[in-house]
């Protein structure tokens, strides 16, 4: 059974206001693992990024929280990201958007040559740090853009990437893109080590709702995904209290036997 984590982006506003109180609230809900975001920014000096990682690690330690993985950009020197992750005790980093890799953007997945180039860059980076850090990619909805040959950018990307590059499937955004998460997970196989889980209308900008009240069949999606290590609760946007929604979703995942706290 997969371990449960929470993507800190879910409570980004609360973190900006009072980070320690926010981390402690997540621990009170029952979370023991978190997935930080914002690492590897090429716009910030390495010294500042390392200091930020140390500060976050101190806060996590004080709240009794550990890191499952991180979301990060790809700096020009990927060894810098290895340093950041080592401070946080993270052995895996997922790039959550092509714009976080220099020279790429959201339209990358609509261009076969750009898809190939991104797969090549991330594969090279993954292979260069494989002894110290596992690198992967996290999807949204736009990756399933249709290519001229009738395939999708997402499928082409994974056929071009080496097995060193891992996958974190956001089940919600896969549904929003009109694809079957079960088919995606089957195609990805053992390279998928984590999934993001949330529910709602599966439409861009629409507020998310408790698991079981939207268009995402999470139980169905997870039925054939027994080898996944991490289930990550996340909220992009909601009209509900984010802590209450995270607690509801987490308890549902645990009580229905999909995930475990520790």
Protein backbone atom coordinates (compact mmCIF):
# COMPACT_ATOMS: atom_id res chain seq x y z
CA UNK A 1 0.00 0.00 0.00
CA UNK A 2 1.34 3.41 -0.97
CA UNK A 3 2.43 6.00 1.55
CA UNK A 4 0.47 9.23 1.72
CA UNK A 5 2.12 12.61 1.17
CA UNK A 6 0.81 16.13 0.55
CA UNK A 7 1.94 18.63 -2.06
CA UNK A 8 2.74 21.87 -0.23
CA UNK A 9 1.42 23.91 -3.14
CA UNK A 10 -2.02 23.02 -1.77
CA UNK A 11 -1.46 25.44 1.11
CA UNK A 12 0.85 27.93 -0.61
CA UNK A 13 -0.99 30.99 0.73
CA UNK A 14 -0.90 29.69 4.27
CA UNK A 15 2.79 28.84 3.96
CA UNK A 16 3.52 32.39 2.85
CA UNK A 17 1.70 33.76 5.90
CA UNK A 18 2.95 31.40 8.61
CA UNK A 19 4.99 28.47 7.40
CA UNK A 20 5.57 26.76 10.72
CA UNK A 21 1.94 26.89 11.79
CA UNK A 22 0.97 25.51 8.38
CA UNK A 23 3.41 22.60 8.62
CA UNK A 24 2.19 21.81 12.12
CA UNK A 25 -1.43 21.86 10.93
CA UNK A 26 -0.60 19.34 8.22
CA UNK A 27 1.05 17.12 10.83
CA UNK A 28 -2.04 17.42 13.04
CA UNK A 29 -4.18 16.17 10.15
CA UNK A 30 -2.02 13.07 10.09
CA UNK A 31 0.45 13.68 7.29
CA UNK A 32 3.98 12.49 7.91
CA UNK A 33 5.34 13.29 4.45
CA UNK A 34 5.23 16.37 2.26
CA UNK A 35 6.18 17.24 -1.31
CA UNK A 36 7.77 20.71 -1.44
CA UNK A 37 7.76 22.85 -4.59
CA UNK A 38 9.85 25.66 -6.02
CA UNK A 39 13.32 24.14 -5.87
CA UNK A 40 15.91 24.37 -8.62
CA UNK A 41 14.98 27.88 -9.75
CA UNK A 42 17.66 29.20 -12.13
CA UNK A 43 16.52 32.74 -11.26
CA UNK A 44 17.81 32.47 -7.70
CA UNK A 45 21.47 32.21 -6.66
CA UNK A 46 22.48 28.80 -5.42
CA UNK A 47 23.44 30.16 -2.01
CA UNK A 48 19.94 31.51 -1.52
CA UNK A 49 18.36 28.24 -2.64
CA UNK A 50 20.50 26.23 -0.27
CA UNK A 51 19.67 28.56 2.60
CA UNK A 52 15.96 28.23 1.80
CA UNK A 53 16.29 24.43 1.78
CA UNK A 54 18.00 24.47 5.18
CA UNK A 55 15.30 26.72 6.61
CA UNK A 56 12.52 24.49 5.27
CA UNK A 57 14.27 21.37 6.58
CA UNK A 58 14.43 22.90 10.05
CA UNK A 59 10.71 23.68 9.90
CA UNK A 60 9.86 20.19 8.69
CA UNK A 61 11.96 18.57 11.40
CA UNK A 62 10.25 20.69 14.05
CA UNK A 63 6.83 19.61 12.78
CA UNK A 64 7.80 15.94 12.54
CA UNK A 65 7.52 15.86 8.76
CA UNK A 66 9.73 14.22 6.12
CA UNK A 67 9.95 14.71 2.35
CA UNK A 68 8.57 12.18 -0.13
CA UNK A 69 9.92 13.98 -3.22
CA UNK A 70 10.11 17.55 -4.50
CA UNK A 71 8.86 19.56 -7.45
CA UNK A 72 11.70 21.47 -9.02
CA UNK A 73 12.97 23.30 -12.03
CA UNK A 74 16.05 22.07 -13.85
CA UNK A 75 18.98 24.44 -13.19
CA UNK A 76 21.76 24.78 -15.71
CA UNK A 77 23.93 22.65 -13.45
CA UNK A 78 21.74 19.80 -12.25
CA UNK A 79 24.26 19.08 -9.50
CA UNK A 80 22.88 22.17 -7.76
CA UNK A 81 19.49 20.50 -7.52
CA UNK A 82 21.16 17.45 -6.01
CA UNK A 83 22.53 19.71 -3.25
CA UNK A 84 19.10 21.18 -2.51
CA UNK A 85 17.45 17.79 -2.39
CA UNK A 86 20.15 16.33 -0.16
CA UNK A 87 19.49 19.03 2.44
CA UNK A 88 15.80 18.09 2.46
CA UNK A 89 16.47 14.37 2.52
CA UNK A 90 14.74 13.92 -0.84
CA UNK A 91 15.86 11.19 -3.22
CA UNK A 92 13.46 12.14 -6.06
CA UNK A 93 12.67 15.38 -7.90
CA UNK A 94 9.89 15.87 -10.44
CA UNK A 95 9.94 18.66 -13.02
CA UNK A 96 6.27 19.81 -13.02
CA UNK A 97 6.24 21.98 -16.14
CA UNK A 98 8.36 22.28 -19.30
CA UNK A 99 8.80 26.03 -18.71
CA UNK A 100 11.01 25.06 -15.75
CA UNK A 101 13.55 23.72 -18.24
CA UNK A 102 15.36 26.44 -20.16
CA UNK A 103 14.16 26.77 -23.75
CA UNK A 104 10.80 25.03 -23.30
CA UNK A 105 7.21 26.07 -22.62
CA UNK A 106 3.62 24.83 -22.45
CA UNK A 107 3.45 24.50 -26.24
CA UNK A 108 6.38 22.06 -26.21
CA UNK A 109 4.09 19.04 -26.25
CA UNK A 110 2.39 20.17 -29.47
CA UNK A 111 5.68 20.07 -31.42
CA UNK A 112 7.31 16.67 -32.11
CA UNK A 113 10.81 18.12 -32.33
CA UNK A 114 10.37 19.97 -29.04
CA UNK A 115 8.98 16.87 -27.37
CA UNK A 116 12.04 14.92 -28.47
CA UNK A 117 14.35 17.69 -27.29
CA UNK A 118 12.73 17.91 -23.84
CA UNK A 119 12.87 14.15 -23.43
CA UNK A 120 16.53 14.26 -24.36
CA UNK A 121 17.40 17.05 -21.93
CA UNK A 122 15.59 15.42 -19.00
CA UNK A 123 17.01 11.98 -19.84
CA UNK A 124 20.54 13.34 -19.92
CA UNK A 125 20.00 15.11 -16.61
CA UNK A 126 18.46 12.01 -15.02
CA UNK A 127 21.30 9.80 -16.16
CA UNK A 128 23.95 12.28 -14.99
CA UNK A 129 22.70 12.32 -11.38
CA UNK A 130 21.21 8.82 -11.12
CA UNK A 131 23.65 7.82 -8.38
CA UNK A 132 22.46 10.66 -6.13
CA UNK A 133 18.98 11.68 -7.23
CA UNK A 134 16.12 10.21 -9.26
CA UNK A 135 14.66 12.71 -11.71
CA UNK A 136 11.16 12.58 -13.15
CA UNK A 137 8.37 14.49 -14.87
CA UNK A 138 4.93 15.49 -13.55
CA UNK A 139 2.07 16.20 -15.96
CA UNK A 140 -0.75 18.69 -16.24
CA UNK A 141 -3.32 18.52 -19.09
CA UNK A 142 -1.56 20.09 -22.07
CA UNK A 143 0.90 17.23 -22.53
CA UNK A 144 -1.79 15.28 -24.40
CA UNK A 145 -1.78 17.70 -27.33
CA UNK A 146 -2.35 15.84 -30.58
CA UNK A 147 0.64 15.66 -32.90
CA UNK A 148 0.52 15.62 -36.72
CA UNK A 149 0.89 11.83 -36.83
CA UNK A 150 -2.16 11.33 -34.58
CA UNK A 151 -0.22 10.43 -31.43
CA UNK A 152 0.01 12.70 -28.39
CA UNK A 153 2.91 14.69 -27.06
CA UNK A 154 2.71 12.79 -23.77
CA UNK A 155 3.01 9.37 -25.38
CA UNK A 156 5.82 10.50 -27.66
CA UNK A 157 7.69 12.02 -24.71
CA UNK A 158 7.78 8.76 -22.79
CA UNK A 159 8.81 6.71 -25.81
CA UNK A 160 11.76 9.07 -26.29
CA UNK A 161 12.80 9.28 -22.61
CA UNK A 162 15.02 6.60 -21.10
CA UNK A 163 13.94 4.39 -18.23
CA UNK A 164 16.05 6.53 -15.89
CA UNK A 165 13.37 9.23 -16.07
CA UNK A 166 10.53 8.57 -13.65
CA UNK A 167 6.87 9.58 -13.85
CA UNK A 168 4.49 11.16 -11.39
CA UNK A 169 0.99 10.98 -12.85
CA UNK A 170 -1.50 13.66 -11.87
CA UNK A 171 -4.64 11.56 -12.20
CA UNK A 172 -6.95 14.60 -12.07
CA UNK A 173 -5.27 16.39 -14.98
CA UNK A 174 -5.12 13.18 -16.99
CA UNK A 175 -8.91 12.97 -16.70
CA UNK A 176 -9.17 16.65 -17.61
CA UNK A 177 -7.16 15.89 -20.75
CA UNK A 178 -9.69 13.23 -21.71
CA UNK A 179 -7.48 10.18 -21.20
CA UNK A 180 -7.95 7.07 -19.09
CA UNK A 181 -5.55 7.10 -16.11
CA UNK A 182 -5.55 3.31 -15.99
CA UNK A 183 -4.32 3.14 -19.59
CA UNK A 184 -1.67 5.77 -18.86
CA UNK A 185 -0.43 3.96 -15.77
CA UNK A 186 -0.35 0.67 -17.65
CA UNK A 187 1.70 2.22 -20.44
CA UNK A 188 4.12 3.89 -18.03
CA UNK A 189 4.63 0.71 -16.03
CA UNK A 190 7.19 0.65 -13.25
CA UNK A 191 8.57 4.10 -14.02
CA UNK A 192 5.54 5.61 -12.22
CA UNK A 193 6.53 6.01 -8.58
CA UNK A 194 3.96 8.58 -7.46
CA UNK A 195 0.48 9.86 -8.32
CA UNK A 196 -1.32 13.09 -7.45
CA UNK A 197 -4.86 12.49 -6.20
CA UNK A 198 -7.73 15.00 -6.05
CA UNK A 199 -11.27 15.27 -7.36
CA UNK A 200 -13.69 17.76 -8.86
CA UNK A 201 -15.05 18.80 -12.27
CA UNK A 202 -11.74 18.03 -14.01
CA UNK A 203 -11.82 21.39 -15.77
CA UNK A 204 -9.18 24.10 -15.83
CA UNK A 205 -9.82 26.75 -13.19
CA UNK A 206 -12.76 24.90 -11.64
CA UNK A 207 -12.63 24.50 -7.84
CA UNK A 208 -11.76 21.04 -6.59
CA UNK A 209 -14.00 19.08 -4.24
CA UNK A 210 -13.75 16.08 -1.88
CA UNK A 211 -12.65 12.74 -3.27
CA UNK A 212 -15.68 10.86 -4.51
CA UNK A 213 -17.72 13.93 -5.47
CA UNK A 214 -16.26 14.70 -8.89
CA UNK A 215 -15.38 13.13 -12.22
CA UNK A 216 -12.26 11.27 -11.12
CA UNK A 217 -12.60 7.56 -10.38
CA UNK A 218 -9.65 7.38 -8.02
CA UNK A 219 -10.40 3.85 -6.85
CA UNK A 220 -10.56 2.67 -10.44
CA UNK A 221 -7.36 4.47 -11.37
CA UNK A 222 -5.46 2.93 -8.48
CA UNK A 223 -6.78 -0.60 -8.93
CA UNK A 224 -3.98 -1.61 -11.25
CA UNK A 225 -1.29 0.57 -9.72
CA UNK A 226 -0.16 -1.47 -6.74
CA UNK A 227 3.54 -0.82 -7.26
CA UNK A 228 3.34 2.95 -6.77
CA UNK A 229 5.20 4.17 -3.70
CA UNK A 230 3.56 7.55 -3.08
CA UNK A 231 -0.01 8.84 -3.13
CA UNK A 232 0.16 12.63 -3.00
CA UNK A 233 -2.88 14.63 -1.91
CA UNK A 234 -3.06 18.00 -3.66
CA UNK A 235 -5.34 20.96 -4.25
CA UNK A 236 -4.84 23.41 -7.11
CA UNK A 237 -7.86 25.56 -6.31
CA UNK A 238 -10.93 25.15 -4.11
CA UNK A 239 -13.74 27.12 -2.52
CA UNK A 240 -13.42 25.01 0.62
CA UNK A 241 -10.98 25.40 3.49
CA UNK A 242 -7.83 23.73 2.11
CA UNK A 243 -6.93 22.06 5.39
CA UNK A 244 -10.43 20.61 5.74
CA UNK A 245 -10.37 19.37 2.15
CA UNK A 246 -6.94 17.80 2.55
CA UNK A 247 -8.06 16.11 5.76
CA UNK A 248 -11.22 14.79 4.11
CA UNK A 249 -9.36 13.47 1.08
CA UNK A 250 -6.55 11.95 3.11
CA UNK A 251 -8.92 10.16 5.47
CA UNK A 252 -10.94 8.86 2.53
CA UNK A 253 -7.83 7.47 0.84
CA UNK A 254 -6.69 5.81 4.08
CA UNK A 255 -10.10 4.54 5.19
CA UNK A 256 -10.86 3.04 1.78
CA UNK A 257 -7.58 1.14 1.88
CA UNK A 258 -5.76 2.96 -0.91
CA UNK A 259 -3.08 4.71 1.13
CA UNK A 260 -1.42 4.62 4.52
CA UNK A 261 -0.04 7.38 6.69
CA UNK A 262 3.23 5.60 7.55
